[in-house]
Amino acid sequence: MKRNLTETEQRLLAVLKMDSRKNISEIASTLGISRVTAKKTLDGLLEIGAIKSFTITLDDEEKDIVLVHVENL
């Protein structure tokens, strides 16, 4: 079932879209929320399928690229 995302969920997705290599502490700091809240929000997005996968793509020019597949809700 699809539902509207909360403001925090939307902001977390925006942070990941800009830099998907940020760790949960950096995400929390960027959003001005606790690390626990950031982790619970990320887990919730994974649970509802808003984030489909985390993928690492490597090639000769770009190393350490992490792609986040986000479903448009």
Protein backbone atom coordinates (compact mmCIF):
# COMPACT_ATOMS: atom_id res chain seq x y z
CA MET A 1 0.00 0.00 0.00
CA LYS A 2 1.32 3.43 -0.93
CA ARG A 3 1.08 6.29 1.50
CA ASN A 4 2.22 9.87 1.70
CA LEU A 5 5.73 10.26 3.05
CA THR A 6 6.35 12.32 6.16
CA GLU A 7 8.43 15.48 5.93
CA THR A 8 11.33 13.69 7.63
CA GLU A 9 11.12 10.80 5.17
CA GLN A 10 11.11 13.20 2.23
CA ARG A 11 14.07 15.12 3.61
CA LEU A 12 16.02 11.92 4.27
CA LEU A 13 15.44 10.77 0.69
CA ALA A 14 16.59 14.16 -0.58
CA VAL A 15 19.82 13.82 1.41
CA LEU A 16 20.43 10.33 -0.01
CA LYS A 17 19.70 11.52 -3.55
CA MET A 18 22.32 14.27 -3.16
CA ASP A 19 24.96 12.04 -1.54
CA SER A 20 24.07 8.41 -1.09
CA ARG A 21 27.40 7.69 0.61
CA LYS A 22 26.47 9.55 3.79
CA ASN A 23 26.34 7.35 6.86
CA ILE A 24 23.41 7.44 9.26
CA SER A 25 25.17 9.84 11.67
CA GLU A 26 25.87 12.31 8.85
CA ILE A 27 22.27 12.05 7.65
CA ALA A 28 21.00 12.70 11.17
CA SER A 29 23.27 15.72 11.55
CA THR A 30 22.22 17.13 8.17
CA LEU A 31 18.55 16.75 9.06
CA GLY A 32 18.94 17.99 12.65
CA ILE A 33 17.49 14.80 14.11
CA SER A 34 18.88 12.07 16.33
CA ARG A 35 20.78 9.13 14.88
CA VAL A 36 18.11 6.79 16.25
CA THR A 37 15.35 8.76 14.50
CA ALA A 38 17.30 8.77 11.25
CA LYS A 39 17.85 5.00 11.46
CA LYS A 40 14.18 4.32 12.24
CA THR A 41 13.14 6.58 9.34
CA LEU A 42 15.51 4.82 6.94
CA ASP A 43 14.32 1.40 8.13
CA GLY A 44 10.71 2.51 7.62
CA LEU A 45 11.45 3.64 4.06
CA LEU A 46 13.01 0.26 3.33
CA GLU A 47 10.07 -1.57 4.93
CA ILE A 48 7.43 0.21 2.82
CA GLY A 49 9.50 -0.17 -0.33
CA ALA A 50 10.17 3.53 -0.87
CA ILE A 51 13.85 2.58 -1.19
CA LYS A 52 14.16 -0.46 -3.42
CA SER A 53 17.88 -1.15 -3.14
CA PHE A 54 21.37 0.13 -2.51
CA THR A 55 23.72 -0.66 -5.37
CA ILE A 56 27.44 -0.18 -5.84
CA THR A 57 28.52 0.43 -9.42
CA LEU A 58 32.21 0.45 -10.27
CA ASP A 59 33.92 1.36 -13.53
CA ASP A 60 37.37 2.53 -14.59
CA GLU A 61 36.71 6.23 -14.03
CA GLU A 62 34.32 6.28 -11.11
CA LYS A 63 35.07 4.26 -7.98
CA ASP A 64 32.84 3.94 -4.95
CA ILE A 65 29.57 5.06 -6.51
CA VAL A 66 26.52 4.10 -4.50
CA LEU A 67 23.14 4.34 -6.19
CA VAL A 68 19.91 4.41 -4.24
CA HIS A 69 16.87 3.17 -6.13
CA VAL A 70 13.89 5.15 -4.83
CA GLU A 71 10.35 4.42 -5.98
CA ASN A 72 8.25 7.46 -6.80
CA LEU A 73 5.37 7.41 -4.36
